[in-house]
């Protein structure tokens, strides 16, 4: 009888331990991206585990919505610790910019499905004139102008967009950048004259709905 009790106790203890080991401690998050009354595939979705991380754009994880049936599968995040996550997506369809932000709470052992509504982003444009030696110096034609999203990108040469000043009417028209989101941009302009390299840098904020015009001073 004692032997039976011991065996039964061991079986019960093993089942308790097995339940504890199998208990799920993480959850899942599925994000569907919607804009203009349709769901979008191949869109990069970022999630952040704190507001500070979101402000610094330090994503906890990224995933893309599926190309096929994005209204069903979306972007899937697995093995997430239970907590609130901040969600963001930014994309373009070639002509318009879209962006959306949201929040979702993940629970252990469950899948949270969140539809991220994205809207057309307010954008502005930038026209850059390149000047020689001073901000009142001669306008420069055919100068290269590069636009960067950070100082680090500029230091490493990873430009976001590039353009050139026109070869004619370059005192009336500059290098044009359109469809820019509201944020700070870092610029570099350069050209060659008499086999010498002239270069200049600048920084500016873009104002949604407006065209910003700036001059970049280049020196050799």
Foldseek 3Di string as FASTA:
>chain_A
DVVVVVVVVVVVVVVVVVCVVPFFQFFKEFEWEDEPHDTDFQWKKFKDQDPVCVVVVPGPDIFTQHRPPSVPGHTMDPRHGWDKIKMKTWDDPVPFIKIWIDMDTTDTPYYHYYYTYIYTAQWEKEFEWEAEPDLPHDTDFFKKKFKDPDPVCVVVVNGPDIFTQHPPPSVPGGTMDTNHHFDKIKMKIWDADPNDIWIWIDMDTGDGPYYHYDYTYIYD
